[in-house]
Amino acid sequence: MLKGVGLAALTLGVAGIGGAEALAGHPPVIPKTSPSGECRLPPLPYAYDALEPVIDRQTVTIHHDKHHAGYVAGFNNALKKLSEARTSGDFGLIKHWSKELAFHGSGHVLHSLYWANMGAAGGEPAGELKTAMEKSFGGLDKFNAQFVAATAAVEASGWGVMAYEPYMGYLLIQQIEKHQDLALLGAIPLMVCDVWEHAYYLKYQNRRADYVKAFMKIINWKEVERRLLMVKSIVGYR
């Protein structure tokens, strides 16, 4: 299981942690994978310049085509190495490849969620998501204040995450370092903001807080609500 985001694949609307069409809010599809189960980089659900002026075309292009692609490659390589270890019976590097699996796999999941929970239209939460946010945070304004503060303050590289904790039936905000550290196991990411420098530095330089505040204007709340409803439909979850 990928630490902290093991169930996040369910919010993508696909079987596994690949997929593309479902990221744009289209009907779920089974992702194309290789016979060995490797993941593939999902295409963006919009044009490279669709998020301007909040996130520029160059940043989106490099971020998706280079950085996200690198996590997919790293995850697939870790899967391959672990398969080879099972075949040979040599688990001398099991600790290393297990860490690589968690790091790159979580990076792939979070980036897939990130691209799909943004859109130029923006808007505000509605329906069951709005109700859940009022219950958990006291409303959108209070959520925004906490999310911006928490995400801007992530130590070094990481993510700000709004997740659903199914055992209590509450939404919560998490600071995740790297792609997998400090994550609350069982909490399922619904909306994520990447605060690795590659996500914002070309446009915002060291002004991370400005980037996070701008990010809040392009959240695709319909996609976030879709994820919440999907998670709550799982048997045994509130």
Protein backbone atom coordinates (compact mmCIF):
# COMPACT_ATOMS: atom_id res chain seq x y z
CA MET A 1 0.00 0.00 0.00
CA LEU A 2 1.27 3.49 -0.80
CA LYS A 3 1.73 5.23 2.52
CA GLY A 4 -1.00 7.78 3.18
CA VAL A 5 -2.60 7.62 -0.26
CA GLY A 6 -3.30 3.93 -0.61
CA LEU A 7 -7.01 4.54 -1.23
CA ALA A 8 -6.56 7.75 -3.20
CA ALA A 9 -6.72 5.81 -6.45
CA LEU A 10 -10.40 5.26 -5.78
CA THR A 11 -11.01 8.99 -6.03
CA LEU A 12 -9.61 9.00 -9.54
CA GLY A 13 -12.58 7.00 -10.74
CA VAL A 14 -10.44 4.28 -12.28
CA ALA A 15 -9.10 0.87 -11.39
CA GLY A 16 -5.54 1.38 -10.21
CA ILE A 17 -3.56 4.61 -10.13
CA GLY A 18 -3.23 5.28 -13.82
CA GLY A 19 -6.01 6.69 -15.97
CA ALA A 20 -6.67 9.85 -17.90
CA GLU A 21 -10.24 10.50 -19.03
CA ALA A 22 -11.60 10.17 -15.49
CA LEU A 23 -9.32 12.97 -14.36
CA ALA A 24 -11.31 15.43 -16.43
CA GLY A 25 -14.55 14.39 -14.76
CA HIS A 26 -15.59 12.12 -17.60
CA PRO A 27 -17.05 8.64 -16.99
CA PRO A 28 -14.56 6.26 -15.33
CA VAL A 29 -12.45 4.11 -17.58
CA ILE A 30 -10.04 1.26 -17.06
CA PRO A 31 -6.56 2.70 -17.56
CA LYS A 32 -4.19 1.34 -20.13
CA THR A 33 -1.36 -0.54 -18.48
CA SER A 34 1.37 -2.88 -19.53
CA PRO A 35 1.05 -6.64 -18.92
CA SER A 36 3.17 -6.21 -15.78
CA GLY A 37 0.77 -3.63 -14.34
CA GLU A 38 2.97 -0.58 -14.90
CA CYS A 39 1.36 2.85 -14.72
CA ARG A 40 1.41 5.39 -17.51
CA LEU A 41 1.45 9.17 -17.39
CA PRO A 42 -2.13 10.45 -17.78
CA PRO A 43 -2.57 13.34 -20.21
CA LEU A 44 -3.66 16.67 -18.83
CA PRO A 45 -7.46 17.14 -18.79
CA TYR A 46 -7.01 20.59 -20.36
CA ALA A 47 -4.57 22.59 -22.50
CA TYR A 48 -1.16 23.54 -21.10
CA ASP A 49 -2.18 27.20 -20.90
CA ALA A 50 -5.66 26.59 -19.45
CA LEU A 51 -4.67 27.62 -15.92
CA GLU A 52 -3.18 30.99 -16.86
CA PRO A 53 -2.70 33.50 -15.39
CA VAL A 54 -2.57 31.57 -12.10
CA ILE A 55 -0.15 28.92 -13.38
CA ASP A 56 1.76 29.64 -16.58
CA ARG A 57 2.07 27.35 -19.57
CA GLN A 58 5.80 26.74 -19.11
CA THR A 59 5.36 25.62 -15.51
CA VAL A 60 2.51 23.25 -16.40
CA THR A 61 4.48 21.78 -19.32
CA ILE A 62 7.65 21.11 -17.33
CA HIS A 63 5.73 19.99 -14.26
CA HIS A 64 3.58 17.46 -16.11
CA ASP A 65 5.87 16.26 -18.90
CA LYS A 66 9.07 16.06 -16.84
CA HIS A 67 8.40 15.91 -13.11
CA HIS A 68 5.18 13.89 -13.09
CA ALA A 69 6.57 11.64 -15.80
CA GLY A 70 9.61 11.06 -13.59
CA TYR A 71 7.43 9.80 -10.72
CA VAL A 72 5.66 7.40 -13.05
CA ALA A 73 9.01 6.07 -14.27
CA GLY A 74 10.34 5.79 -10.72
CA PHE A 75 7.26 3.92 -9.54
CA ASN A 76 7.41 1.49 -12.44
CA ASN A 77 11.11 0.90 -11.81
CA ALA A 78 10.44 0.14 -8.14
CA LEU A 79 7.74 -2.35 -9.13
CA LYS A 80 10.21 -4.00 -11.52
CA LYS A 81 12.95 -4.24 -8.90
CA LEU A 82 10.61 -5.73 -6.32
CA SER A 83 9.42 -8.27 -8.88
CA GLU A 84 13.03 -9.21 -9.60
CA ALA A 85 13.68 -9.61 -5.87
CA ARG A 86 10.76 -12.02 -5.55
CA THR A 87 12.08 -14.03 -8.47
CA SER A 88 15.65 -14.21 -7.18
CA GLY A 89 14.79 -14.45 -3.50
CA ASP A 90 17.33 -11.68 -2.80
CA PHE A 91 15.68 -9.05 -0.61
CA GLY A 92 18.89 -7.27 0.36
CA LEU A 93 17.58 -3.97 -1.03
CA ILE A 94 13.98 -4.40 0.11
CA LYS A 95 14.11 -1.29 2.33
CA HIS A 96 15.38 0.88 -0.51
CA TRP A 97 12.88 -0.26 -3.11
CA SER A 98 9.98 -0.12 -0.65
CA LYS A 99 10.84 3.53 0.00
CA GLU A 100 11.12 4.18 -3.73
CA LEU A 101 7.70 2.59 -4.26
CA ALA A 102 6.09 4.80 -1.61
CA PHE A 103 7.82 7.99 -2.75
CA HIS A 104 7.28 7.71 -6.50
CA GLY A 105 3.90 5.99 -6.27
CA SER A 106 2.54 8.61 -3.90
CA GLY A 107 3.99 11.31 -6.15
CA HIS A 108 2.12 9.84 -9.11
CA VAL A 109 -1.18 9.61 -7.25
CA LEU A 110 -0.95 13.13 -5.84
CA HIS A 111 -0.01 14.67 -9.17
CA SER A 112 -2.90 12.87 -10.89
CA LEU A 113 -5.27 14.29 -8.28
CA TYR A 114 -3.65 17.74 -8.54
CA TRP A 115 -4.14 18.18 -12.27
CA ALA A 116 -7.78 17.13 -12.10
CA ASN A 117 -8.72 19.26 -9.09
CA MET A 118 -7.84 22.44 -10.99
CA GLY A 119 -9.73 24.25 -13.72
CA ALA A 120 -10.04 27.78 -15.04
CA ALA A 121 -13.73 28.02 -14.09
CA GLY A 122 -13.10 27.88 -10.35
CA GLY A 123 -16.35 28.38 -8.44
CA GLU A 124 -17.35 27.36 -4.93
CA PRO A 125 -18.27 24.10 -3.19
CA ALA A 126 -21.89 23.01 -3.46
CA GLY A 127 -24.15 20.17 -2.40
CA GLU A 128 -22.82 17.49 -0.09
CA LEU A 129 -19.29 18.87 -0.25
CA LYS A 130 -20.43 22.28 0.97
CA THR A 131 -22.32 20.62 3.83
CA ALA A 132 -19.27 18.56 4.78
CA MET A 133 -17.01 21.61 4.74
CA GLU A 134 -19.41 23.56 6.94
CA LYS A 135 -19.51 20.64 9.37
CA SER A 136 -15.75 20.16 9.42
CA PHE A 137 -14.40 23.70 9.12
CA GLY A 138 -17.26 26.10 9.81
CA GLY A 139 -17.59 27.21 6.20
CA LEU A 140 -15.57 28.02 3.09
CA ASP A 141 -13.86 31.14 4.43
CA LYS A 142 -12.52 29.35 7.49
CA PHE A 143 -11.42 26.42 5.36
CA ASN A 144 -9.60 28.74 2.96
CA ALA A 145 -7.78 30.49 5.80
CA GLN A 146 -6.60 27.23 7.36
CA PHE A 147 -5.70 25.57 4.06
CA VAL A 148 -3.63 28.51 2.83
CA ALA A 149 -1.82 28.82 6.16
CA ALA A 150 -1.11 25.09 6.43
CA THR A 151 -0.06 24.63 2.81
CA ALA A 152 2.20 27.68 2.68
CA ALA A 153 3.89 26.46 5.88
CA VAL A 154 4.74 22.94 4.68
CA GLU A 155 8.37 22.34 5.60
CA ALA A 156 10.65 22.05 2.55
CA SER A 157 8.84 20.22 -0.28
CA GLY A 158 5.40 18.69 0.00
CA TRP A 159 1.66 19.11 -0.33
CA GLY A 160 -1.36 20.70 1.25
CA VAL A 161 -4.22 18.20 1.29
CA MET A 162 -7.90 18.26 2.13
CA ALA A 163 -8.77 14.66 2.96
CA TYR A 164 -11.80 12.69 4.11
CA GLU A 165 -11.38 10.64 7.28
CA PRO A 166 -14.02 7.92 6.82
CA TYR A 167 -14.11 6.51 10.33
CA MET A 168 -15.15 9.84 11.85
CA GLY A 169 -16.86 11.13 8.72
CA TYR A 170 -14.92 14.40 8.75
CA LEU A 171 -12.82 16.41 6.36
CA LEU A 172 -9.40 17.49 7.54
CA ILE A 173 -6.38 19.43 6.28
CA GLN A 174 -2.99 17.76 6.21
CA GLN A 175 0.56 18.90 5.61
CA ILE A 176 2.38 16.16 3.71
CA GLU A 177 6.16 16.35 3.41
CA LYS A 178 7.76 14.94 0.27
CA HIS A 179 4.89 12.86 -1.13
CA GLN A 180 4.21 10.45 1.71
CA ASP A 181 5.54 11.67 5.07
CA LEU A 182 3.19 12.87 7.85
CA ALA A 183 0.13 11.49 6.04
CA LEU A 184 -2.66 10.16 8.22
CA LEU A 185 -3.26 6.57 7.20
CA GLY A 186 -6.85 5.94 6.17
CA ALA A 187 -7.56 9.58 5.30
CA ILE A 188 -8.31 9.81 1.58
CA PRO A 189 -7.12 12.89 -0.37
CA LEU A 190 -9.91 14.82 -2.09
CA MET A 191 -8.10 18.04 -3.04
CA VAL A 192 -4.36 18.62 -3.16
CA CYS A 193 -1.98 21.52 -3.74
CA ASP A 194 1.62 20.86 -4.78
CA VAL A 195 4.13 23.09 -2.99
CA TRP A 196 7.29 21.56 -4.33
CA GLU A 197 9.18 24.47 -5.90
CA HIS A 198 8.78 23.04 -9.39
CA ALA A 199 5.03 23.74 -9.08
CA TYR A 200 5.36 27.51 -8.75
CA TYR A 201 8.91 28.87 -8.82
CA LEU A 202 9.06 30.07 -12.43
CA LYS A 203 6.19 32.49 -11.79
CA TYR A 204 6.16 33.09 -8.04
CA GLN A 205 9.82 32.56 -7.07
CA ASN A 206 9.94 32.43 -3.25
CA ARG A 207 6.37 33.71 -2.82
CA ARG A 208 4.81 30.37 -2.00
CA ALA A 209 1.90 31.90 -0.09
CA ASP A 210 0.95 34.00 -3.13
CA TYR A 211 0.89 30.84 -5.24
CA VAL A 212 -1.33 29.01 -2.76
CA LYS A 213 -3.74 31.95 -2.54
CA ALA A 214 -3.95 32.07 -6.33
CA PHE A 215 -4.41 28.29 -6.48
CA MET A 216 -7.58 28.62 -4.39
CA LYS A 217 -9.21 30.52 -7.29
CA ILE A 218 -8.90 27.63 -9.75
CA ILE A 219 -10.04 24.66 -7.65
CA ASN A 220 -12.44 22.41 -9.57
CA TRP A 221 -14.94 21.93 -6.76
CA LYS A 222 -17.23 19.73 -8.86
CA GLU A 223 -14.38 17.23 -9.19
CA VAL A 224 -13.67 17.42 -5.46
CA GLU A 225 -17.33 16.70 -4.69
CA ARG A 226 -17.29 13.77 -7.13
CA ARG A 227 -14.38 12.29 -5.20
CA LEU A 228 -16.14 12.78 -1.87
CA LEU A 229 -19.30 11.05 -3.10
CA MET A 230 -17.27 8.18 -4.51
CA VAL A 231 -15.38 7.66 -1.27
CA LYS A 232 -18.56 7.78 0.82
CA SER A 233 -20.15 5.15 -1.39
CA ILE A 234 -17.57 2.55 -0.37
CA VAL A 235 -19.05 -0.14 1.86
CA GLY A 236 -17.98 0.36 5.46
CA TYR A 237 -17.24 4.07 5.05
CA ARG A 238 -19.44 6.92 6.23
